Amino acid sequence: MQTWAIANQKGGVGKTTTTLCLARGLVGAGHRVLLVDLDPHASLSHAFGVPTDPTPRGAYELFTDAAPTLSRLARETPVDGLTLCPAQPALATLERRGATQPGLGLALGRALHASRGAYDYVLLDCPPTLGLLMVNALAAADRLVAPTQTDPLALHGLRDMMRTADMVERSRRRPLPRAVIPTLHDRRTRSGQQSLDALRETYGEQVSPDPIPLDTRLRDAAAVATGPTLASRGADAYREALQWLLDPISLECEAA
């Protein structure tokens, strides 16, 4: 079972869209995929129509004393092979609990370890802030996938994300391979191209070869989550990005 943390400390970089597109591609290739929504805003859960009232069971329960298994918390989606552990607003309260309750930083890792064999891939949709939830995800992940816009402000956020990954990597004492996926790329602008060049210069082979272009068809998260396979420039680019992620040579470059 492979666990990918889809994370960036800057919001608005296409994190949830990236999670959805990668998950749909993995399912299409015949893999069993679990999505875990760790963002209290629950954009990923909303994309699958998970109701907010009553509050569903979901990721918050993983951080309780009598934590159920992921399989018990996961719900089926309209997509065969794809299940979802939804987010809840209560996830936002975990920061306060983490200051007084030892062991919460490894709760997600324990839950994933207990579920080994139930899924081929687990994708963790992380909140866009550094805190207990992101640290849990990075500590448990086999890989960090960092979507980032190709603009100067987004590059600053990515640097912060990589520093956080370094910190967690030292703490867990095993490598955390990283992959950077440029998103929302507008090749018509000088800023977009310069930012893409800077990404490649800074992170080298950790950057996917082809950026994800701006694509209005990817703005409808519900359609990406449960609709038919999209035929668009953005969707095609995500399929290419997934093939790159699954290439063993890519993983070797990320770990280097």
C-alpha atoms as a PDB file:
ATOM      1  CA  MET A   1       0.000   0.000   0.000  1.00  0.00           C
ATOM      2  CA  GLN A   2       1.371   3.379  -1.044  1.00  0.00           C
ATOM      3  CA  THR A   3       0.385   6.544   0.827  1.00  0.00           C
ATOM      4  CA  TRP A   4       0.716   9.922  -0.885  1.00  0.00           C
ATOM      5  CA  ALA A   5       0.304  13.210   0.981  1.00  0.00           C
ATOM      6  CA  ILE A   6      -1.054  15.867  -1.383  1.00  0.00           C
ATOM      7  CA  ALA A   7       0.111  18.983   0.392  1.00  0.00           C
ATOM      8  CA  ASN A   8       1.176  22.596   0.106  1.00  0.00           C
ATOM      9  CA  GLN A   9       1.231  25.284   2.776  1.00  0.00           C
ATOM     10  CA  LYS A  10      -0.299  27.743   0.310  1.00  0.00           C
ATOM     11  CA  GLY A  11      -3.965  27.507  -0.582  1.00  0.00           C
ATOM     12  CA  GLY A  12      -5.479  27.831  -4.033  1.00  0.00           C
ATOM     13  CA  VAL A  13      -2.830  25.763  -5.816  1.00  0.00           C
ATOM     14  CA  GLY A  14      -5.136  23.000  -7.066  1.00  0.00           C
ATOM     15  CA  LYS A  15      -4.514  20.560  -4.242  1.00  0.00           C
ATOM     16  CA  THR A  16      -7.973  18.994  -4.132  1.00  0.00           C
ATOM     17  CA  THR A  17      -8.245  18.908  -7.927  1.00  0.00           C
ATOM     18  CA  THR A  18      -4.867  17.177  -8.043  1.00  0.00           C
ATOM     19  CA  THR A  19      -6.030  14.632  -5.466  1.00  0.00           C
ATOM     20  CA  LEU A  20      -9.187  13.909  -7.447  1.00  0.00           C
ATOM     21  CA  CYS A  21      -7.465  13.592 -10.822  1.00  0.00           C
ATOM     22  CA  LEU A  22      -4.717  11.328  -9.515  1.00  0.00           C
ATOM     23  CA  ALA A  23      -7.269   9.159  -7.705  1.00  0.00           C
ATOM     24  CA  ARG A  24      -9.445   8.801 -10.810  1.00  0.00           C
ATOM     25  CA  GLY A  25      -6.381   7.841 -12.826  1.00  0.00           C
ATOM     26  CA  LEU A  26      -5.291   5.217 -10.301  1.00  0.00           C
ATOM     27  CA  VAL A  27      -8.783   3.709 -10.157  1.00  0.00           C
ATOM     28  CA  GLY A  28      -8.909   3.684 -13.934  1.00  0.00           C
ATOM     29  CA  ALA A  29      -5.723   1.612 -13.905  1.00  0.00           C
ATOM     30  CA  GLY A  30      -7.416  -0.972 -11.689  1.00  0.00           C
ATOM     31  CA  HIS A  31      -6.120   0.090  -8.270  1.00  0.00           C
ATOM     32  CA  ARG A  32      -8.098   0.186  -5.015  1.00  0.00           C
ATOM     33  CA  VAL A  33      -7.883   3.775  -3.766  1.00  0.00           C
ATOM     34  CA  LEU A  34      -8.838   5.401  -0.473  1.00  0.00           C
ATOM     35  CA  LEU A  35      -9.097   9.167  -0.191  1.00  0.00           C
ATOM     36  CA  VAL A  36      -8.691  10.698   3.272  1.00  0.00           C
ATOM     37  CA  ASP A  37      -9.927  14.278   3.575  1.00  0.00           C
ATOM     38  CA  LEU A  38      -7.882  15.977   6.314  1.00  0.00           C
ATOM     39  CA  ASP A  39      -8.973  19.534   5.530  1.00  0.00           C
ATOM     40  CA  PRO A  40     -11.645  20.925   7.920  1.00  0.00           C
ATOM     41  CA  HIS A  41     -13.073  22.863   4.955  1.00  0.00           C
ATOM     42  CA  ALA A  42     -13.893  19.461   3.441  1.00  0.00           C
ATOM     43  CA  SER A  43     -13.726  20.457  -0.232  1.00  0.00           C
ATOM     44  CA  LEU A  44     -12.904  16.894  -1.231  1.00  0.00           C
ATOM     45  CA  SER A  45     -15.847  15.518   0.757  1.00  0.00           C
ATOM     46  CA  HIS A  46     -18.207  18.122  -0.720  1.00  0.00           C
ATOM     47  CA  ALA A  47     -17.116  17.076  -4.222  1.00  0.00           C
ATOM     48  CA  PHE A  48     -18.565  13.637  -3.503  1.00  0.00           C
ATOM     49  CA  GLY A  49     -21.786  15.077  -2.063  1.00  0.00           C
ATOM     50  CA  VAL A  50     -21.108  14.038   1.534  1.00  0.00           C
ATOM     51  CA  PRO A  51     -23.802  15.742   3.651  1.00  0.00           C
ATOM     52  CA  THR A  52     -22.784  18.141   6.403  1.00  0.00           C
ATOM     53  CA  ASP A  53     -25.920  17.613   8.490  1.00  0.00           C
ATOM     54  CA  PRO A  54     -25.782  15.317  10.289  1.00  0.00           C
ATOM     55  CA  THR A  55     -22.003  15.408  10.517  1.00  0.00           C
ATOM     56  CA  PRO A  56     -20.648  12.195   8.969  1.00  0.00           C
ATOM     57  CA  ARG A  57     -18.226   9.869  10.636  1.00  0.00           C
ATOM     58  CA  GLY A  58     -14.799  10.396   9.243  1.00  0.00           C
ATOM     59  CA  ALA A  59     -11.198  11.451   9.725  1.00  0.00           C
ATOM     60  CA  TYR A  60     -11.681  13.087  13.126  1.00  0.00           C
ATOM     61  CA  GLU A  61     -12.423   9.694  14.678  1.00  0.00           C
ATOM     62  CA  LEU A  62      -8.882   8.580  13.834  1.00  0.00           C
ATOM     63  CA  PHE A  63      -7.636  10.940  16.545  1.00  0.00           C
ATOM     64  CA  THR A  64      -9.896   9.649  19.334  1.00  0.00           C
ATOM     65  CA  ASP A  65      -8.990   7.169  22.054  1.00  0.00           C
ATOM     66  CA  ALA A  66     -11.093   4.352  20.590  1.00  0.00           C
ATOM     67  CA  ALA A  67     -10.235   5.039  16.971  1.00  0.00           C
ATOM     68  CA  PRO A  68     -12.069   2.794  14.485  1.00  0.00           C
ATOM     69  CA  THR A  69     -10.278   1.397  11.466  1.00  0.00           C
ATOM     70  CA  LEU A  70     -10.112   3.352   8.248  1.00  0.00           C
ATOM     71  CA  SER A  71     -12.189   0.685   6.543  1.00  0.00           C
ATOM     72  CA  ARG A  72     -15.037   1.302   8.998  1.00  0.00           C
ATOM     73  CA  LEU A  73     -14.900   5.053   8.455  1.00  0.00           C
ATOM     74  CA  ALA A  74     -14.611   4.910   4.667  1.00  0.00           C
ATOM     75  CA  ARG A  75     -17.700   5.201   2.506  1.00  0.00           C
ATOM     76  CA  GLU A  76     -18.226   4.059  -1.042  1.00  0.00           C
ATOM     77  CA  THR A  77     -18.322   6.638  -3.821  1.00  0.00           C
ATOM     78  CA  PRO A  78     -20.078   6.440  -7.194  1.00  0.00           C
ATOM     79  CA  VAL A  79     -16.706   5.479  -8.692  1.00  0.00           C
ATOM     80  CA  ASP A  80     -15.923   1.756  -8.497  1.00  0.00           C
ATOM     81  CA  GLY A  81     -12.748   1.107  -6.551  1.00  0.00           C
ATOM     82  CA  LEU A  82     -12.703   4.554  -4.922  1.00  0.00           C
ATOM     83  CA  THR A  83     -13.641   5.060  -1.268  1.00  0.00           C
ATOM     84  CA  LEU A  84     -13.572   8.167   0.885  1.00  0.00           C
ATOM     85  CA  CYS A  85     -12.933   8.921   4.544  1.00  0.00           C
ATOM     86  CA  PRO A  86     -14.591  12.350   4.795  1.00  0.00           C
ATOM     87  CA  ALA A  87     -13.537  15.411   6.751  1.00  0.00           C
ATOM     88  CA  GLN A  88     -15.465  16.991   9.599  1.00  0.00           C
ATOM     89  CA  PRO A  89     -15.366  20.520  11.070  1.00  0.00           C
ATOM     90  CA  ALA A  90     -14.105  19.033  14.345  1.00  0.00           C
ATOM     91  CA  LEU A  91     -10.715  18.479  12.694  1.00  0.00           C
ATOM     92  CA  ALA A  92     -10.086  22.171  13.320  1.00  0.00           C
ATOM     93  CA  THR A  93     -10.051  21.516  17.094  1.00  0.00           C
ATOM     94  CA  LEU A  94      -7.153  19.065  16.974  1.00  0.00           C
ATOM     95  CA  GLU A  95      -4.476  21.728  17.285  1.00  0.00           C
ATOM     96  CA  ARG A  96      -5.627  22.551  20.815  1.00  0.00           C
ATOM     97  CA  ARG A  97      -5.789  18.869  21.763  1.00  0.00           C
ATOM     98  CA  GLY A  98      -2.355  18.197  20.347  1.00  0.00           C
ATOM     99  CA  ALA A  99      -0.768  20.550  22.865  1.00  0.00           C
ATOM    100  CA  THR A 100      -2.008  18.469  25.809  1.00  0.00           C
ATOM    101  CA  GLN A 101      -2.497  14.974  24.389  1.00  0.00           C
ATOM    102  CA  PRO A 102       0.724  13.144  23.479  1.00  0.00           C
ATOM    103  CA  GLY A 103       0.717  10.701  20.596  1.00  0.00           C
ATOM    104  CA  LEU A 104      -1.676  12.555  18.292  1.00  0.00           C
ATOM    105  CA  GLY A 105       1.150  13.246  15.860  1.00  0.00           C
ATOM    106  CA  LEU A 106       1.291   9.548  14.946  1.00  0.00           C
ATOM    107  CA  ALA A 107      -2.438   8.748  14.991  1.00  0.00           C
ATOM    108  CA  LEU A 108      -2.833   8.712  11.228  1.00  0.00           C
ATOM    109  CA  GLY A 109       0.225   6.532  10.766  1.00  0.00           C
ATOM    110  CA  ARG A 110      -1.178   3.965  13.199  1.00  0.00           C
ATOM    111  CA  ALA A 111      -4.499   3.904  11.348  1.00  0.00           C
ATOM    112  CA  LEU A 112      -2.773   3.417   7.995  1.00  0.00           C
ATOM    113  CA  HIS A 113      -0.576   0.659   9.331  1.00  0.00           C
ATOM    114  CA  ALA A 114      -3.658  -1.195  10.609  1.00  0.00           C
ATOM    115  CA  SER A 115      -5.219  -0.949   7.122  1.00  0.00           C
ATOM    116  CA  ARG A 116      -2.311  -2.313   5.101  1.00  0.00           C
ATOM    117  CA  GLY A 117      -3.563  -4.658   2.414  1.00  0.00           C
ATOM    118  CA  ALA A 118      -7.032  -3.108   2.231  1.00  0.00           C
ATOM    119  CA  TYR A 119      -6.025  -0.573  -0.440  1.00  0.00           C
ATOM    120  CA  ASP A 120      -3.380  -0.162  -3.109  1.00  0.00           C
ATOM    121  CA  TYR A 121      -3.105   3.611  -2.723  1.00  0.00           C
ATOM    122  CA  VAL A 122      -4.157   6.071  -0.031  1.00  0.00           C
ATOM    123  CA  LEU A 123      -4.228   9.755  -0.981  1.00  0.00           C
ATOM    124  CA  LEU A 124      -4.255  12.284   1.867  1.00  0.00           C
ATOM    125  CA  ASP A 125      -5.779  15.655   0.981  1.00  0.00           C
ATOM    126  CA  CYS A 126      -4.062  17.964   3.481  1.00  0.00           C
ATOM    127  CA  PRO A 127      -5.113  21.383   4.792  1.00  0.00           C
ATOM    128  CA  PRO A 128      -3.101  24.356   3.458  1.00  0.00           C
ATOM    129  CA  THR A 129      -1.580  25.139   6.866  1.00  0.00           C
ATOM    130  CA  LEU A 130       1.302  23.762   8.889  1.00  0.00           C
ATOM    131  CA  GLY A 131      -0.124  22.001  11.932  1.00  0.00           C
ATOM    132  CA  LEU A 132      -0.961  18.678  13.490  1.00  0.00           C
ATOM    133  CA  LEU A 133      -2.900  17.360  10.485  1.00  0.00           C
ATOM    134  CA  MET A 134      -0.194  18.114   7.941  1.00  0.00           C
ATOM    135  CA  VAL A 135       2.537  16.746  10.204  1.00  0.00           C
ATOM    136  CA  ASN A 136       0.483  13.549  10.657  1.00  0.00           C
ATOM    137  CA  ALA A 137       0.167  13.193   6.902  1.00  0.00           C
ATOM    138  CA  LEU A 138       3.863  13.778   6.190  1.00  0.00           C
ATOM    139  CA  ALA A 139       4.948  11.467   9.003  1.00  0.00           C
ATOM    140  CA  ALA A 140       2.783   8.665   7.589  1.00  0.00           C
ATOM    141  CA  ALA A 141       3.331   9.211   3.874  1.00  0.00           C
ATOM    142  CA  ASP A 142       5.490   7.253   1.472  1.00  0.00           C
ATOM    143  CA  ARG A 143       5.614  10.298  -0.756  1.00  0.00           C
ATOM    144  CA  LEU A 144       4.856  14.023  -0.772  1.00  0.00           C
ATOM    145  CA  VAL A 145       3.087  15.284  -3.886  1.00  0.00           C
ATOM    146  CA  ALA A 146       3.161  19.092  -3.860  1.00  0.00           C
ATOM    147  CA  PRO A 147       0.966  20.907  -6.383  1.00  0.00           C
ATOM    148  CA  THR A 148       2.020  24.507  -6.940  1.00  0.00           C
ATOM    149  CA  GLN A 149       0.897  27.331  -9.171  1.00  0.00           C
ATOM    150  CA  THR A 150       3.476  28.785 -11.483  1.00  0.00           C
ATOM    151  CA  ASP A 151       3.634  32.237  -9.973  1.00  0.00           C
ATOM    152  CA  PRO A 152       6.187  33.908  -7.653  1.00  0.00           C
ATOM    153  CA  LEU A 153       3.996  33.843  -4.519  1.00  0.00           C
ATOM    154  CA  ALA A 154       3.302  30.149  -4.938  1.00  0.00           C
ATOM    155  CA  LEU A 155       7.036  29.442  -5.162  1.00  0.00           C
ATOM    156  CA  HIS A 156       7.495  31.013  -1.719  1.00  0.00           C
ATOM    157  CA  GLY A 157       4.804  28.696  -0.340  1.00  0.00           C
ATOM    158  CA  LEU A 158       6.484  25.702  -1.926  1.00  0.00           C
ATOM    159  CA  ARG A 159       9.801  26.578  -0.270  1.00  0.00           C
ATOM    160  CA  ASP A 160       8.022  26.606   3.098  1.00  0.00           C
ATOM    161  CA  MET A 161       6.477  23.243   2.260  1.00  0.00           C
ATOM    162  CA  MET A 162       9.850  21.729   1.442  1.00  0.00           C
ATOM    163  CA  ARG A 163      11.353  23.039   4.679  1.00  0.00           C
ATOM    164  CA  THR A 164       8.512  21.387   6.580  1.00  0.00           C
ATOM    165  CA  ALA A 165       9.138  18.140   4.679  1.00  0.00           C
ATOM    166  CA  ASP A 166      12.814  18.331   5.655  1.00  0.00           C
ATOM    167  CA  MET A 167      11.848  18.759   9.309  1.00  0.00           C
ATOM    168  CA  VAL A 168       9.471  15.788   9.272  1.00  0.00           C
ATOM    169  CA  GLU A 169      11.957  13.662   7.362  1.00  0.00           C
ATOM    170  CA  ARG A 170      14.588  14.226  10.056  1.00  0.00           C
ATOM    171  CA  SER A 171      12.074  13.428  12.789  1.00  0.00           C
ATOM    172  CA  ARG A 172      10.823  10.182  11.259  1.00  0.00           C
ATOM    173  CA  ARG A 173      14.353   9.094  10.252  1.00  0.00           C
ATOM    174  CA  ARG A 174      13.482   7.774   6.829  1.00  0.00           C
ATOM    175  CA  PRO A 175      13.364   9.463   3.426  1.00  0.00           C
ATOM    176  CA  LEU A 176      10.304  11.388   2.289  1.00  0.00           C
ATOM    177  CA  PRO A 177      10.435  11.468  -1.526  1.00  0.00           C
ATOM    178  CA  ARG A 178       8.909  14.624  -3.024  1.00  0.00           C
ATOM    179  CA  ALA A 179       7.239  15.307  -6.356  1.00  0.00           C
ATOM    180  CA  VAL A 180       6.270  18.793  -7.514  1.00  0.00           C
ATOM    181  CA  ILE A 181       3.392  19.208  -9.957  1.00  0.00           C
ATOM    182  CA  PRO A 182       3.098  22.680 -11.536  1.00  0.00           C
ATOM    183  CA  THR A 183      -0.601  23.559 -11.774  1.00  0.00           C
ATOM    184  CA  LEU A 184      -2.830  26.282 -13.213  1.00  0.00           C
ATOM    185  CA  HIS A 185      -0.068  27.142 -15.655  1.00  0.00           C
ATOM    186  CA  ASP A 186      -0.710  29.949 -18.120  1.00  0.00           C
ATOM    187  CA  ARG A 187       1.955  29.626 -20.772  1.00  0.00           C
ATOM    188  CA  ARG A 188       0.878  32.931 -22.321  1.00  0.00           C
ATOM    189  CA  THR A 189       2.319  34.984 -19.451  1.00  0.00           C
ATOM    190  CA  ARG A 190       5.961  35.817 -18.887  1.00  0.00           C
ATOM    191  CA  SER A 191       5.507  35.388 -15.118  1.00  0.00           C
ATOM    192  CA  GLY A 192       4.121  31.885 -15.582  1.00  0.00           C
ATOM    193  CA  GLN A 193       6.999  30.765 -17.769  1.00  0.00           C
ATOM    194  CA  GLN A 194       9.635  32.376 -15.560  1.00  0.00           C
ATOM    195  CA  SER A 195       8.140  30.697 -12.488  1.00  0.00           C
ATOM    196  CA  LEU A 196       8.095  27.327 -14.240  1.00  0.00           C
ATOM    197  CA  ASP A 197      11.745  27.792 -15.219  1.00  0.00           C
ATOM    198  CA  ALA A 198      12.594  28.699 -11.608  1.00  0.00           C
ATOM    199  CA  LEU A 199      10.809  25.574 -10.363  1.00  0.00           C
ATOM    200  CA  ARG A 200      12.821  23.372 -12.684  1.00  0.00           C
ATOM    201  CA  GLU A 201      16.079  25.106 -11.813  1.00  0.00           C
ATOM    202  CA  THR A 202      15.469  24.760  -8.055  1.00  0.00           C
ATOM    203  CA  TYR A 203      13.939  21.285  -7.834  1.00  0.00           C
ATOM    204  CA  GLY A 204      15.214  19.630 -10.999  1.00  0.00           C
ATOM    205  CA  GLU A 205      13.914  16.138 -11.653  1.00  0.00           C
ATOM    206  CA  GLN A 206      11.511  16.357  -8.711  1.00  0.00           C
ATOM    207  CA  VAL A 207       9.291  18.508 -10.990  1.00  0.00           C
ATOM    208  CA  SER A 208       6.920  16.731 -13.364  1.00  0.00           C
ATOM    209  CA  PRO A 209       7.967  17.236 -16.998  1.00  0.00           C
ATOM    210  CA  ASP A 210       4.741  18.881 -18.159  1.00  0.00           C
ATOM    211  CA  PRO A 211       2.752  21.484 -16.192  1.00  0.00           C
ATOM    212  CA  ILE A 212      -1.008  21.270 -15.719  1.00  0.00           C
ATOM    213  CA  PRO A 213      -2.526  24.043 -17.853  1.00  0.00           C
ATOM    214  CA  LEU A 214      -5.353  26.330 -16.862  1.00  0.00           C
ATOM    215  CA  ASP A 215      -8.534  24.426 -17.655  1.00  0.00           C
ATOM    216  CA  THR A 216     -12.005  25.667 -16.732  1.00  0.00           C
ATOM    217  CA  ARG A 217     -13.392  22.120 -17.003  1.00  0.00           C
ATOM    218  CA  LEU A 218     -11.424  21.181 -13.897  1.00  0.00           C
ATOM    219  CA  ARG A 219     -13.121  23.848 -11.767  1.00  0.00           C
ATOM    220  CA  ASP A 220     -16.194  21.671 -11.173  1.00  0.00           C
ATOM    221  CA  ALA A 221     -14.848  19.392  -8.458  1.00  0.00           C
ATOM    222  CA  ALA A 222     -18.012  17.284  -8.345  1.00  0.00           C
ATOM    223  CA  ALA A 223     -17.740  16.553 -12.067  1.00  0.00           C
ATOM    224  CA  VAL A 224     -14.087  15.610 -11.688  1.00  0.00           C
ATOM    225  CA  ALA A 225     -14.930  13.423  -8.674  1.00  0.00           C
ATOM    226  CA  THR A 226     -17.880  11.445  -9.957  1.00  0.00           C
ATOM    227  CA  GLY A 227     -18.517  12.311 -13.596  1.00  0.00           C
ATOM    228  CA  PRO A 228     -17.313  10.465 -16.678  1.00  0.00           C
ATOM    229  CA  THR A 229     -13.628  10.570 -17.542  1.00  0.00           C
ATOM    230  CA  LEU A 230     -12.865  14.084 -18.698  1.00  0.00           C
ATOM    231  CA  ALA A 231     -11.443  14.779 -22.121  1.00  0.00           C
ATOM    232  CA  SER A 232      -9.634  18.088 -21.777  1.00  0.00           C
ATOM    233  CA  ARG A 233      -6.137  19.530 -21.818  1.00  0.00           C
ATOM    234  CA  GLY A 234      -5.968  19.654 -18.036  1.00  0.00           C
ATOM    235  CA  ALA A 235      -7.260  16.119 -17.537  1.00  0.00           C
ATOM    236  CA  ASP A 236      -4.832  14.797 -20.147  1.00  0.00           C
ATOM    237  CA  ALA A 237      -1.968  16.590 -18.375  1.00  0.00           C
ATOM    238  CA  TYR A 238      -2.925  14.986 -15.063  1.00  0.00           C
ATOM    239  CA  ARG A 239      -2.898  11.571 -16.718  1.00  0.00           C
ATOM    240  CA  GLU A 240       0.632  12.285 -17.954  1.00  0.00           C
ATOM    241  CA  ALA A 241       1.622  13.454 -14.463  1.00  0.00           C
ATOM    242  CA  LEU A 242       0.317  10.218 -12.967  1.00  0.00           C
ATOM    243  CA  GLN A 243       2.321   8.131 -15.407  1.00  0.00           C
ATOM    244  CA  TRP A 244       5.390  10.109 -14.391  1.00  0.00           C
ATOM    245  CA  LEU A 245       4.633   9.534 -10.698  1.00  0.00           C
ATOM    246  CA  LEU A 246       4.295   5.794 -11.274  1.00  0.00           C
ATOM    247  CA  ASP A 247       7.601   5.570 -13.146  1.00  0.00           C
ATOM    248  CA  PRO A 248      10.228   3.957 -10.849  1.00  0.00           C
ATOM    249  CA  ILE A 249      12.859   6.312 -12.260  1.00  0.00           C
ATOM    250  CA  SER A 250      10.773   9.270 -11.091  1.00  0.00           C
ATOM    251  CA  LEU A 251      10.688   7.938  -7.544  1.00  0.00           C
ATOM    252  CA  GLU A 252      14.467   7.462  -7.539  1.00  0.00           C
ATOM    253  CA  CYS A 253      14.919  11.090  -8.597  1.00  0.00           C
ATOM    254  CA  GLU A 254      12.588  12.337  -5.857  1.00  0.00           C
ATOM    255  CA  ALA A 255      14.460  10.417  -3.177  1.00  0.00           C
ATOM    256  CA  ALA A 256      17.863  11.633  -4.344  1.00  0.00           C
END
